[in-house]
């Protein structure tokens, strides 16, 4: 959680994950389980 103090913002895994939770009722932690690998793959060239 150090990113909060260091001015580092999260990316699409968290952004999509918030919606999977609030809109689709996916448990908070499992949103990361299903999204982080795909976001890494999509971001890899950058």
ModelCIF file with pLDDT and N, C-alpha, C, O atoms, coordinates in Angstrom:
data_MODEL
#
_entry.id   MODEL 
#
_entity.id                         1 
_entity.type                       polymer 
_entity.pdbx_number_of_molecules   1 
#
_entity_poly.entity_id                      1 
_entity_poly.type                           'polypeptide(L)' 
_entity_poly.nstd_linkage                   no 
_entity_poly.nstd_monomer                   no 
_entity_poly.pdbx_seq_one_letter_code       
;(UNK)(UNK)(UNK)(UNK)(UNK)(UNK)(UNK)(UNK)(UNK)(UNK)(UNK)(UNK)(UNK)(UNK)(UNK)(UNK)
(UNK)(UNK)(UNK)(UNK)(UNK)(UNK)(UNK)(UNK)(UNK)(UNK)(UNK)(UNK)(UNK)(UNK)(UNK)(UNK)
(UNK)(UNK)(UNK)(UNK)(UNK)(UNK)(UNK)(UNK)(UNK)(UNK)(UNK)(UNK)(UNK)(UNK)
;
_entity_poly.pdbx_seq_one_letter_code_can   XXXXXXXXXXXXXXXXXXXXXXXXXXXXXXXXXXXXXXXXXXXXXX 
_entity_poly.pdbx_strand_id                 A 
#
loop_
_entity_poly_seq.entity_id 
_entity_poly_seq.num 
_entity_poly_seq.mon_id 
_entity_poly_seq.hetero 
1 1  UNK n 
1 2  UNK n 
1 3  UNK n 
1 4  UNK n 
1 5  UNK n 
1 6  UNK n 
1 7  UNK n 
1 8  UNK n 
1 9  UNK n 
1 10 UNK n 
1 11 UNK n 
1 12 UNK n 
1 13 UNK n 
1 14 UNK n 
1 15 UNK n 
1 16 UNK n 
1 17 UNK n 
1 18 UNK n 
1 19 UNK n 
1 20 UNK n 
1 21 UNK n 
1 22 UNK n 
1 23 UNK n 
1 24 UNK n 
1 25 UNK n 
1 26 UNK n 
1 27 UNK n 
1 28 UNK n 
1 29 UNK n 
1 30 UNK n 
1 31 UNK n 
1 32 UNK n 
1 33 UNK n 
1 34 UNK n 
1 35 UNK n 
1 36 UNK n 
1 37 UNK n 
1 38 UNK n 
1 39 UNK n 
1 40 UNK n 
1 41 UNK n 
1 42 UNK n 
1 43 UNK n 
1 44 UNK n 
1 45 UNK n 
1 46 UNK n 
#
_struct_asym.id          A 
_struct_asym.entity_id   1 
#
loop_
_ma_qa_metric.id 
_ma_qa_metric.mode 
_ma_qa_metric.name 
_ma_qa_metric.software_group_id 
_ma_qa_metric.type 
1 global pLDDT . pLDDT 
2 local  pLDDT . pLDDT 
#
_ma_qa_metric_global.metric_id      1 
_ma_qa_metric_global.metric_value   94.70 
_ma_qa_metric_global.model_id       1 
_ma_qa_metric_global.ordinal_id     1 
#
loop_
_ma_qa_metric_local.label_asym_id 
_ma_qa_metric_local.label_comp_id 
_ma_qa_metric_local.label_seq_id 
_ma_qa_metric_local.metric_id 
_ma_qa_metric_local.metric_value 
_ma_qa_metric_local.model_id 
_ma_qa_metric_local.ordinal_id 
A UNK 1  2 96.00 1 1  
A UNK 2  2 93.00 1 2  
A UNK 3  2 91.00 1 3  
A UNK 4  2 86.00 1 4  
A UNK 5  2 89.00 1 5  
A UNK 6  2 90.00 1 6  
A UNK 7  2 88.00 1 7  
A UNK 8  2 94.00 1 8  
A UNK 9  2 93.00 1 9  
A UNK 10 2 96.00 1 10 
A UNK 11 2 97.00 1 11 
A UNK 12 2 98.00 1 12 
A UNK 13 2 98.00 1 13 
A UNK 14 2 97.00 1 14 
A UNK 15 2 97.00 1 15 
A UNK 16 2 97.00 1 16 
A UNK 17 2 96.00 1 17 
A UNK 18 2 94.00 1 18 
A UNK 19 2 95.00 1 19 
A UNK 20 2 96.00 1 20 
A UNK 21 2 91.00 1 21 
A UNK 22 2 87.00 1 22 
A UNK 23 2 91.00 1 23 
A UNK 24 2 93.00 1 24 
A UNK 25 2 91.00 1 25 
A UNK 26 2 94.00 1 26 
A UNK 27 2 93.00 1 27 
A UNK 28 2 85.00 1 28 
A UNK 29 2 93.00 1 29 
A UNK 30 2 97.00 1 30 
A UNK 31 2 97.00 1 31 
A UNK 32 2 97.00 1 32 
A UNK 33 2 98.00 1 33 
A UNK 34 2 98.00 1 34 
A UNK 35 2 98.00 1 35 
A UNK 36 2 98.00 1 36 
A UNK 37 2 98.00 1 37 
A UNK 38 2 98.00 1 38 
A UNK 39 2 98.00 1 39 
A UNK 40 2 98.00 1 40 
A UNK 41 2 98.00 1 41 
A UNK 42 2 98.00 1 42 
A UNK 43 2 98.00 1 43 
A UNK 44 2 97.00 1 44 
A UNK 45 2 95.00 1 45 
A UNK 46 2 96.00 1 46 
#
loop_
_atom_site.group_PDB 
_atom_site.id 
_atom_site.type_symbol 
_atom_site.label_atom_id 
_atom_site.label_alt_id 
_atom_site.label_comp_id 
_atom_site.label_asym_id 
_atom_site.label_entity_id 
_atom_site.label_seq_id 
_atom_site.pdbx_PDB_ins_code 
_atom_site.Cartn_x 
_atom_site.Cartn_y 
_atom_site.Cartn_z 
_atom_site.occupancy 
_atom_site.B_iso_or_equiv 
_atom_site.pdbx_formal_charge 
_atom_site.auth_seq_id 
_atom_site.auth_comp_id 
_atom_site.auth_asym_id 
_atom_site.auth_atom_id 
_atom_site.pdbx_PDB_model_num 
ATOM 1   N N  . UNK A 1 1  ? 0.805   -1.219  0.000   1.00 96.00 ? 1  UNK A N  1 
ATOM 2   C CA . UNK A 1 1  ? 0.000   0.000   0.000   1.00 96.00 ? 1  UNK A CA 1 
ATOM 3   C C  . UNK A 1 1  ? 0.838   1.269   0.000   1.00 96.00 ? 1  UNK A C  1 
ATOM 4   O O  . UNK A 1 1  ? 0.295   2.368   0.113   1.00 96.00 ? 1  UNK A O  1 
ATOM 5   N N  . UNK A 1 2  ? 2.139   1.134   -0.124  1.00 93.00 ? 2  UNK A N  1 
ATOM 6   C CA . UNK A 1 2  ? 3.030   2.295   -0.128  1.00 93.00 ? 2  UNK A CA 1 
ATOM 7   C C  . UNK A 1 2  ? 2.717   3.243   -1.281  1.00 93.00 ? 2  UNK A C  1 
ATOM 8   O O  . UNK A 1 2  ? 3.026   4.433   -1.212  1.00 93.00 ? 2  UNK A O  1 
ATOM 9   N N  . UNK A 1 3  ? 2.102   2.715   -2.345  1.00 91.00 ? 3  UNK A N  1 
ATOM 10  C CA . UNK A 1 3  ? 1.807   3.568   -3.500  1.00 91.00 ? 3  UNK A CA 1 
ATOM 11  C C  . UNK A 1 3  ? 0.957   4.775   -3.120  1.00 91.00 ? 3  UNK A C  1 
ATOM 12  O O  . UNK A 1 3  ? 1.044   5.822   -3.763  1.00 91.00 ? 3  UNK A O  1 
ATOM 13  N N  . UNK A 1 4  ? 0.133   4.637   -2.077  1.00 86.00 ? 4  UNK A N  1 
ATOM 14  C CA . UNK A 1 4  ? -0.729  5.752   -1.679  1.00 86.00 ? 4  UNK A CA 1 
ATOM 15  C C  . UNK A 1 4  ? 0.079   6.974   -1.268  1.00 86.00 ? 4  UNK A C  1 
ATOM 16  O O  . UNK A 1 4  ? -0.284  8.105   -1.592  1.00 86.00 ? 4  UNK A O  1 
ATOM 17  N N  . UNK A 1 5  ? 1.175   6.741   -0.553  1.00 89.00 ? 5  UNK A N  1 
ATOM 18  C CA . UNK A 1 5  ? 2.000   7.858   -0.110  1.00 89.00 ? 5  UNK A CA 1 
ATOM 19  C C  . UNK A 1 5  ? 2.961   8.337   -1.185  1.00 89.00 ? 5  UNK A C  1 
ATOM 20  O O  . UNK A 1 5  ? 3.350   9.505   -1.205  1.00 89.00 ? 5  UNK A O  1 
ATOM 21  N N  . UNK A 1 6  ? 3.342   7.432   -2.078  1.00 90.00 ? 6  UNK A N  1 
ATOM 22  C CA . UNK A 1 6  ? 4.388   7.746   -3.053  1.00 90.00 ? 6  UNK A CA 1 
ATOM 23  C C  . UNK A 1 6  ? 3.857   8.331   -4.352  1.00 90.00 ? 6  UNK A C  1 
ATOM 24  O O  . UNK A 1 6  ? 4.623   8.575   -5.285  1.00 90.00 ? 6  UNK A O  1 
ATOM 25  N N  . UNK A 1 7  ? 2.553   8.556   -4.418  1.00 88.00 ? 7  UNK A N  1 
ATOM 26  C CA . UNK A 1 7  ? 1.986   9.192   -5.597  1.00 88.00 ? 7  UNK A CA 1 
ATOM 27  C C  . UNK A 1 7  ? 1.874   8.285   -6.798  1.00 88.00 ? 7  UNK A C  1 
ATOM 28  O O  . UNK A 1 7  ? 1.860   8.760   -7.934  1.00 88.00 ? 7  UNK A O  1 
ATOM 29  N N  . UNK A 1 8  ? 1.792   6.965   -6.566  1.00 94.00 ? 8  UNK A N  1 
ATOM 30  C CA . UNK A 1 8  ? 1.684   6.006   -7.661  1.00 94.00 ? 8  UNK A CA 1 
ATOM 31  C C  . UNK A 1 8  ? 0.245   5.509   -7.743  1.00 94.00 ? 8  UNK A C  1 
ATOM 32  O O  . UNK A 1 8  ? -0.303  5.001   -6.765  1.00 94.00 ? 8  UNK A O  1 
ATOM 33  N N  . UNK A 1 9  ? -0.351  5.659   -8.900  1.00 93.00 ? 9  UNK A N  1 
ATOM 34  C CA . UNK A 1 9  ? -1.734  5.244   -9.103  1.00 93.00 ? 9  UNK A CA 1 
ATOM 35  C C  . UNK A 1 9  ? -1.767  3.858   -9.731  1.00 93.00 ? 9  UNK A C  1 
ATOM 36  O O  . UNK A 1 9  ? -0.862  3.486   -10.478 1.00 93.00 ? 9  UNK A O  1 
ATOM 37  N N  . UNK A 1 10 ? -2.807  3.103   -9.427  1.00 96.00 ? 10 UNK A N  1 
ATOM 38  C CA . UNK A 1 10 ? -2.954  1.754   -9.952  1.00 96.00 ? 10 UNK A CA 1 
ATOM 39  C C  . UNK A 1 10 ? -3.401  1.794   -11.412 1.00 96.00 ? 10 UNK A C  1 
ATOM 40  O O  . UNK A 1 10 ? -3.589  2.865   -11.989 1.00 96.00 ? 10 UNK A O  1 
ATOM 41  N N  . UNK A 1 11 ? -3.570  0.596   -12.001 1.00 97.00 ? 11 UNK A N  1 
ATOM 42  C CA . UNK A 1 11 ? -3.940  0.491   -13.403 1.00 97.00 ? 11 UNK A CA 1 
ATOM 43  C C  . UNK A 1 11 ? -5.249  -0.231  -13.622 1.00 97.00 ? 11 UNK A C  1 
ATOM 44  O O  . UNK A 1 11 ? -6.120  -0.228  -12.753 1.00 97.00 ? 11 UNK A O  1 
ATOM 45  N N  . UNK A 1 12 ? -5.392  -0.848  -14.780 1.00 98.00 ? 12 UNK A N  1 
ATOM 46  C CA . UNK A 1 12 ? -6.676  -1.387  -15.218 1.00 98.00 ? 12 UNK A CA 1 
ATOM 47  C C  . UNK A 1 12 ? -7.129  -2.597  -14.418 1.00 98.00 ? 12 UNK A C  1 
ATOM 48  O O  . UNK A 1 12 ? -8.331  -2.850  -14.337 1.00 98.00 ? 12 UNK A O  1 
ATOM 49  N N  . UNK A 1 13 ? -6.222  -3.350  -13.829 1.00 98.00 ? 13 UNK A N  1 
ATOM 50  C CA . UNK A 1 13 ? -6.677  -4.476  -13.007 1.00 98.00 ? 13 UNK A CA 1 
ATOM 51  C C  . UNK A 1 13 ? -7.530  -3.977  -11.856 1.00 98.00 ? 13 UNK A C  1 
ATOM 52  O O  . UNK A 1 13 ? -8.578  -4.551  -11.558 1.00 98.00 ? 13 UNK A O  1 
ATOM 53  N N  . UNK A 1 14 ? -7.088  -2.917  -11.213 1.00 97.00 ? 14 UNK A N  1 
ATOM 54  C CA . UNK A 1 14 ? -7.881  -2.324  -10.137 1.00 97.00 ? 14 UNK A CA 1 
ATOM 55  C C  . UNK A 1 14 ? -9.118  -1.608  -10.679 1.00 97.00 ? 14 UNK A C  1 
ATOM 56  O O  . UNK A 1 14 ? -10.201 -1.711  -10.103 1.00 97.00 ? 14 UNK A O  1 
ATOM 57  N N  . UNK A 1 15 ? -8.956  -0.884  -11.786 1.00 97.00 ? 15 UNK A N  1 
ATOM 58  C CA . UNK A 1 15 ? -10.078 -0.139  -12.335 1.00 97.00 ? 15 UNK A CA 1 
ATOM 59  C C  . UNK A 1 15 ? -11.227 -1.042  -12.750 1.00 97.00 ? 15 UNK A C  1 
ATOM 60  O O  . UNK A 1 15 ? -12.384 -0.767  -12.431 1.00 97.00 ? 15 UNK A O  1 
ATOM 61  N N  . UNK A 1 16 ? -10.914 -2.119  -13.462 1.00 97.00 ? 16 UNK A N  1 
ATOM 62  C CA . UNK A 1 16 ? -11.951 -3.073  -13.854 1.00 97.00 ? 16 UNK A CA 1 
ATOM 63  C C  . UNK A 1 16 ? -12.422 -3.852  -12.638 1.00 97.00 ? 16 UNK A C  1 
ATOM 64  O O  . UNK A 1 16 ? -13.604 -4.177  -12.520 1.00 97.00 ? 16 UNK A O  1 
ATOM 65  N N  . UNK A 1 17 ? -11.495 -4.153  -11.732 1.00 96.00 ? 17 UNK A N  1 
ATOM 66  C CA . UNK A 1 17 ? -11.842 -4.919  -10.535 1.00 96.00 ? 17 UNK A CA 1 
ATOM 67  C C  . UNK A 1 17 ? -12.883 -4.234  -9.674  1.00 96.00 ? 17 UNK A C  1 
ATOM 68  O O  . UNK A 1 17 ? -13.760 -4.896  -9.118  1.00 96.00 ? 17 UNK A O  1 
ATOM 69  N N  . UNK A 1 18 ? -12.801 -2.916  -9.556  1.00 94.00 ? 18 UNK A N  1 
ATOM 70  C CA . UNK A 1 18 ? -13.803 -2.194  -8.773  1.00 94.00 ? 18 UNK A CA 1 
ATOM 71  C C  . UNK A 1 18 ? -15.201 -2.419  -9.335  1.00 94.00 ? 18 UNK A C  1 
ATOM 72  O O  . UNK A 1 18 ? -16.167 -2.527  -8.579  1.00 94.00 ? 18 UNK A O  1 
ATOM 73  N N  . UNK A 1 19 ? -15.309 -2.489  -10.649 1.00 95.00 ? 19 UNK A N  1 
ATOM 74  C CA . UNK A 1 19 ? -16.613 -2.695  -11.283 1.00 95.00 ? 19 UNK A CA 1 
ATOM 75  C C  . UNK A 1 19 ? -17.066 -4.145  -11.128 1.00 95.00 ? 19 UNK A C  1 
ATOM 76  O O  . UNK A 1 19 ? -18.243 -4.400  -10.874 1.00 95.00 ? 19 UNK A O  1 
ATOM 77  N N  . UNK A 1 20 ? -16.161 -5.078  -11.275 1.00 96.00 ? 20 UNK A N  1 
ATOM 78  C CA . UNK A 1 20 ? -16.522 -6.482  -11.056 1.00 96.00 ? 20 UNK A CA 1 
ATOM 79  C C  . UNK A 1 20 ? -17.086 -6.669  -9.649  1.00 96.00 ? 20 UNK A C  1 
ATOM 80  O O  . UNK A 1 20 ? -17.982 -7.486  -9.436  1.00 96.00 ? 20 UNK A O  1 
ATOM 81  N N  . UNK A 1 21 ? -16.553 -5.904  -8.687  1.00 91.00 ? 21 UNK A N  1 
ATOM 82  C CA . UNK A 1 21 ? -17.055 -5.993  -7.318  1.00 91.00 ? 21 UNK A CA 1 
ATOM 83  C C  . UNK A 1 21 ? -18.397 -5.325  -7.155  1.00 91.00 ? 21 UNK A C  1 
ATOM 84  O O  . UNK A 1 21 ? -19.376 -5.972  -6.781  1.00 91.00 ? 21 UNK A O  1 
ATOM 85  N N  . UNK A 1 22 ? -18.454 -4.028  -7.434  1.00 87.00 ? 22 UNK A N  1 
ATOM 86  C CA . UNK A 1 22 ? -19.665 -3.262  -7.159  1.00 87.00 ? 22 UNK A CA 1 
ATOM 87  C C  . UNK A 1 22 ? -20.820 -3.586  -8.072  1.00 87.00 ? 22 UNK A C  1 
ATOM 88  O O  . UNK A 1 22 ? -21.973 -3.504  -7.649  1.00 87.00 ? 22 UNK A O  1 
ATOM 89  N N  . UNK A 1 23 ? -20.547 -3.958  -9.330  1.00 91.00 ? 23 UNK A N  1 
ATOM 90  C CA . UNK A 1 23 ? -21.603 -4.200  -10.309 1.00 91.00 ? 23 UNK A CA 1 
ATOM 91  C C  . UNK A 1 23 ? -21.945 -5.678  -10.454 1.00 91.00 ? 23 UNK A C  1 
ATOM 92  O O  . UNK A 1 23 ? -23.105 -6.033  -10.662 1.00 91.00 ? 23 UNK A O  1 
ATOM 93  N N  . UNK A 1 24 ? -20.930 -6.543  -10.342 1.00 93.00 ? 24 UNK A N  1 
ATOM 94  C CA . UNK A 1 24 ? -21.132 -7.980  -10.575 1.00 93.00 ? 24 UNK A CA 1 
ATOM 95  C C  . UNK A 1 24 ? -21.012 -8.820  -9.307  1.00 93.00 ? 24 UNK A C  1 
ATOM 96  O O  . UNK A 1 24 ? -21.157 -10.042 -9.360  1.00 93.00 ? 24 UNK A O  1 
ATOM 97  N N  . UNK A 1 25 ? -20.749 -8.180  -8.172  1.00 91.00 ? 25 UNK A N  1 
ATOM 98  C CA . UNK A 1 25 ? -20.689 -8.858  -6.867  1.00 91.00 ? 25 UNK A CA 1 
ATOM 99  C C  . UNK A 1 25 ? -19.590 -9.913  -6.774  1.00 91.00 ? 25 UNK A C  1 
ATOM 100 O O  . UNK A 1 25 ? -19.730 -10.897 -6.047  1.00 91.00 ? 25 UNK A O  1 
ATOM 101 N N  . UNK A 1 26 ? -18.510 -9.710  -7.500  1.00 94.00 ? 26 UNK A N  1 
ATOM 102 C CA . UNK A 1 26 ? -17.359 -10.608 -7.381  1.00 94.00 ? 26 UNK A CA 1 
ATOM 103 C C  . UNK A 1 26 ? -16.611 -10.257 -6.103  1.00 94.00 ? 26 UNK A C  1 
ATOM 104 O O  . UNK A 1 26 ? -16.376 -9.076  -5.849  1.00 94.00 ? 26 UNK A O  1 
ATOM 105 N N  . UNK A 1 27 ? -16.228 -11.239 -5.288  1.00 93.00 ? 27 UNK A N  1 
ATOM 106 C CA . UNK A 1 27 ? -15.460 -10.938 -4.076  1.00 93.00 ? 27 UNK A CA 1 
ATOM 107 C C  . UNK A 1 27 ? -14.224 -10.097 -4.379  1.00 93.00 ? 27 UNK A C  1 
ATOM 108 O O  . UNK A 1 27 ? -13.564 -10.266 -5.404  1.00 93.00 ? 27 UNK A O  1 
ATOM 109 N N  . UNK A 1 28 ? -13.933 -9.188  -3.457  1.00 85.00 ? 28 UNK A N  1 
ATOM 110 C CA . UNK A 1 28 ? -12.914 -8.152  -3.656  1.00 85.00 ? 28 UNK A CA 1 
ATOM 111 C C  . UNK A 1 28 ? -11.593 -8.737  -4.150  1.00 85.00 ? 28 UNK A C  1 
ATOM 112 O O  . UNK A 1 28 ? -11.046 -8.268  -5.147  1.00 85.00 ? 28 UNK A O  1 
ATOM 113 N N  . UNK A 1 29 ? -11.080 -9.747  -3.470  1.00 93.00 ? 29 UNK A N  1 
ATOM 114 C CA . UNK A 1 29 ? -9.787  -10.292 -3.843  1.00 93.00 ? 29 UNK A CA 1 
ATOM 115 C C  . UNK A 1 29 ? -9.817  -11.039 -5.161  1.00 93.00 ? 29 UNK A C  1 
ATOM 116 O O  . UNK A 1 29 ? -8.843  -11.013 -5.913  1.00 93.00 ? 29 UNK A O  1 
ATOM 117 N N  . UNK A 1 30 ? -10.925 -11.706 -5.450  1.00 97.00 ? 30 UNK A N  1 
ATOM 118 C CA . UNK A 1 30 ? -10.982 -12.507 -6.667  1.00 97.00 ? 30 UNK A CA 1 
ATOM 119 C C  . UNK A 1 30 ? -11.037 -11.656 -7.925  1.00 97.00 ? 30 UNK A C  1 
ATOM 120 O O  . UNK A 1 30 ? -10.760 -12.149 -9.018  1.00 97.00 ? 30 UNK A O  1 
ATOM 121 N N  . UNK A 1 31 ? -11.392 -10.386 -7.783  1.00 97.00 ? 31 UNK A N  1 
ATOM 122 C CA . UNK A 1 31 ? -11.323 -9.511  -8.955  1.00 97.00 ? 31 UNK A CA 1 
ATOM 123 C C  . UNK A 1 31 ? -9.885  -9.418  -9.468  1.00 97.00 ? 31 UNK A C  1 
ATOM 124 O O  . UNK A 1 31 ? -9.654  -9.379  -10.676 1.00 97.00 ? 31 UNK A O  1 
ATOM 125 N N  . UNK A 1 32 ? -8.931  -9.383  -8.556  1.00 97.00 ? 32 UNK A N  1 
ATOM 126 C CA . UNK A 1 32 ? -7.522  -9.351  -8.961  1.00 97.00 ? 32 UNK A CA 1 
ATOM 127 C C  . UNK A 1 32 ? -7.087  -10.679 -9.557  1.00 97.00 ? 32 UNK A C  1 
ATOM 128 O O  . UNK A 1 32 ? -6.294  -10.715 -10.499 1.00 97.00 ? 32 UNK A O  1 
ATOM 129 N N  . UNK A 1 33 ? -7.604  -11.768 -9.009  1.00 98.00 ? 33 UNK A N  1 
ATOM 130 C CA . UNK A 1 33 ? -7.239  -13.087 -9.515  1.00 98.00 ? 33 UNK A CA 1 
ATOM 131 C C  . UNK A 1 33 ? -7.582  -13.230 -10.989 1.00 98.00 ? 33 UNK A C  1 
ATOM 132 O O  . UNK A 1 33 ? -6.802  -13.787 -11.761 1.00 98.00 ? 33 UNK A O  1 
ATOM 133 N N  . UNK A 1 34 ? -8.740  -12.731 -11.377 1.00 98.00 ? 34 UNK A N  1 
ATOM 134 C CA . UNK A 1 34 ? -9.198  -12.956 -12.751 1.00 98.00 ? 34 UNK A CA 1 
ATOM 135 C C  . UNK A 1 34 ? -8.764  -11.862 -13.722 1.00 98.00 ? 34 UNK A C  1 
ATOM 136 O O  . UNK A 1 34 ? -8.797  -12.069 -14.935 1.00 98.00 ? 34 UNK A O  1 
ATOM 137 N N  . UNK A 1 35 ? -8.355  -10.694 -13.204 1.00 98.00 ? 35 UNK A N  1 
ATOM 138 C CA . UNK A 1 35 ? -8.027  -9.586  -14.107 1.00 98.00 ? 35 UNK A CA 1 
ATOM 139 C C  . UNK A 1 35 ? -6.534  -9.316  -14.268 1.00 98.00 ? 35 UNK A C  1 
ATOM 140 O O  . UNK A 1 35 ? -6.104  -8.923  -15.353 1.00 98.00 ? 35 UNK A O  1 
ATOM 141 N N  . UNK A 1 36 ? -5.732  -9.514  -13.225 1.00 98.00 ? 36 UNK A N  1 
ATOM 142 C CA . UNK A 1 36 ? -4.334  -9.081  -13.303 1.00 98.00 ? 36 UNK A CA 1 
ATOM 143 C C  . UNK A 1 36 ? -3.559  -9.753  -14.436 1.00 98.00 ? 36 UNK A C  1 
ATOM 144 O O  . UNK A 1 36 ? -2.829  -9.055  -15.141 1.00 98.00 ? 36 UNK A O  1 
ATOM 145 N N  . UNK A 1 37 ? -3.673  -11.068 -14.654 1.00 98.00 ? 37 UNK A N  1 
ATOM 146 C CA . UNK A 1 37 ? -2.906  -11.659 -15.763 1.00 98.00 ? 37 UNK A CA 1 
ATOM 147 C C  . UNK A 1 37 ? -3.261  -11.053 -17.117 1.00 98.00 ? 37 UNK A C  1 
ATOM 148 O O  . UNK A 1 37 ? -2.373  -10.790 -17.928 1.00 98.00 ? 37 UNK A O  1 
ATOM 149 N N  . UNK A 1 38 ? -4.555  -10.829 -17.370 1.00 98.00 ? 38 UNK A N  1 
ATOM 150 C CA . UNK A 1 38 ? -4.970  -10.266 -18.657 1.00 98.00 ? 38 UNK A CA 1 
ATOM 151 C C  . UNK A 1 38 ? -4.474  -8.833  -18.827 1.00 98.00 ? 38 UNK A C  1 
ATOM 152 O O  . UNK A 1 38 ? -4.057  -8.449  -19.919 1.00 98.00 ? 38 UNK A O  1 
ATOM 153 N N  . UNK A 1 39 ? -4.514  -8.046  -17.767 1.00 98.00 ? 39 UNK A N  1 
ATOM 154 C CA . UNK A 1 39 ? -4.028  -6.668  -17.851 1.00 98.00 ? 39 UNK A CA 1 
ATOM 155 C C  . UNK A 1 39 ? -2.523  -6.652  -18.117 1.00 98.00 ? 39 UNK A C  1 
ATOM 156 O O  . UNK A 1 39 ? -2.040  -5.840  -18.905 1.00 98.00 ? 39 UNK A O  1 
ATOM 157 N N  . UNK A 1 40 ? -1.792  -7.538  -17.468 1.00 98.00 ? 40 UNK A N  1 
ATOM 158 C CA . UNK A 1 40 ? -0.353  -7.623  -17.734 1.00 98.00 ? 40 UNK A CA 1 
ATOM 159 C C  . UNK A 1 40 ? -0.093  -7.976  -19.197 1.00 98.00 ? 40 UNK A C  1 
ATOM 160 O O  . UNK A 1 40 ? 0.785   -7.393  -19.834 1.00 98.00 ? 40 UNK A O  1 
ATOM 161 N N  . UNK A 1 41 ? -0.847  -8.919  -19.721 1.00 98.00 ? 41 UNK A N  1 
ATOM 162 C CA . UNK A 1 41 ? -0.673  -9.309  -21.122 1.00 98.00 ? 41 UNK A CA 1 
ATOM 163 C C  . UNK A 1 41 ? -0.984  -8.132  -22.051 1.00 98.00 ? 41 UNK A C  1 
ATOM 164 O O  . UNK A 1 41 ? -0.260  -7.904  -23.020 1.00 98.00 ? 41 UNK A O  1 
ATOM 165 N N  . UNK A 1 42 ? -2.040  -7.394  -21.767 1.00 98.00 ? 42 UNK A N  1 
ATOM 166 C CA . UNK A 1 42 ? -2.447  -6.277  -22.619 1.00 98.00 ? 42 UNK A CA 1 
ATOM 167 C C  . UNK A 1 42 ? -1.439  -5.130  -22.547 1.00 98.00 ? 42 UNK A C  1 
ATOM 168 O O  . UNK A 1 42 ? -1.238  -4.414  -23.528 1.00 98.00 ? 42 UNK A O  1 
ATOM 169 N N  . UNK A 1 43 ? -0.808  -4.958  -21.386 1.00 98.00 ? 43 UNK A N  1 
ATOM 170 C CA . UNK A 1 43 ? 0.152   -3.868  -21.186 1.00 98.00 ? 43 UNK A CA 1 
ATOM 171 C C  . UNK A 1 43 ? 1.582   -4.223  -21.601 1.00 98.00 ? 43 UNK A C  1 
ATOM 172 O O  . UNK A 1 43 ? 2.435   -3.337  -21.648 1.00 98.00 ? 43 UNK A O  1 
ATOM 173 N N  . UNK A 1 44 ? 1.864   -5.479  -21.898 1.00 97.00 ? 44 UNK A N  1 
ATOM 174 C CA . UNK A 1 44 ? 3.246   -5.969  -21.982 1.00 97.00 ? 44 UNK A CA 1 
ATOM 175 C C  . UNK A 1 44 ? 4.118   -5.170  -22.940 1.00 97.00 ? 44 UNK A C  1 
ATOM 176 O O  . UNK A 1 44 ? 5.291   -4.934  -22.650 1.00 97.00 ? 44 UNK A O  1 
ATOM 177 N N  . UNK A 1 45 ? 3.577   -4.755  -24.060 1.00 95.00 ? 45 UNK A N  1 
ATOM 178 C CA . UNK A 1 45 ? 4.397   -4.039  -25.038 1.00 95.00 ? 45 UNK A CA 1 
ATOM 179 C C  . UNK A 1 45 ? 4.802   -2.651  -24.548 1.00 95.00 ? 45 UNK A C  1 
ATOM 180 O O  . UNK A 1 45 ? 5.710   -2.038  -25.109 1.00 95.00 ? 45 UNK A O  1 
ATOM 181 N N  . UNK A 1 46 ? 4.131   -2.149  -23.501 1.00 96.00 ? 46 UNK A N  1 
ATOM 182 C CA . UNK A 1 46 ? 4.404   -0.797  -23.000 1.00 96.00 ? 46 UNK A CA 1 
ATOM 183 C C  . UNK A 1 46 ? 5.334   -0.780  -21.787 1.00 96.00 ? 46 UNK A C  1 
ATOM 184 O O  . UNK A 1 46 ? 5.647   0.290   -21.265 1.00 96.00 ? 46 UNK A O  1 
#
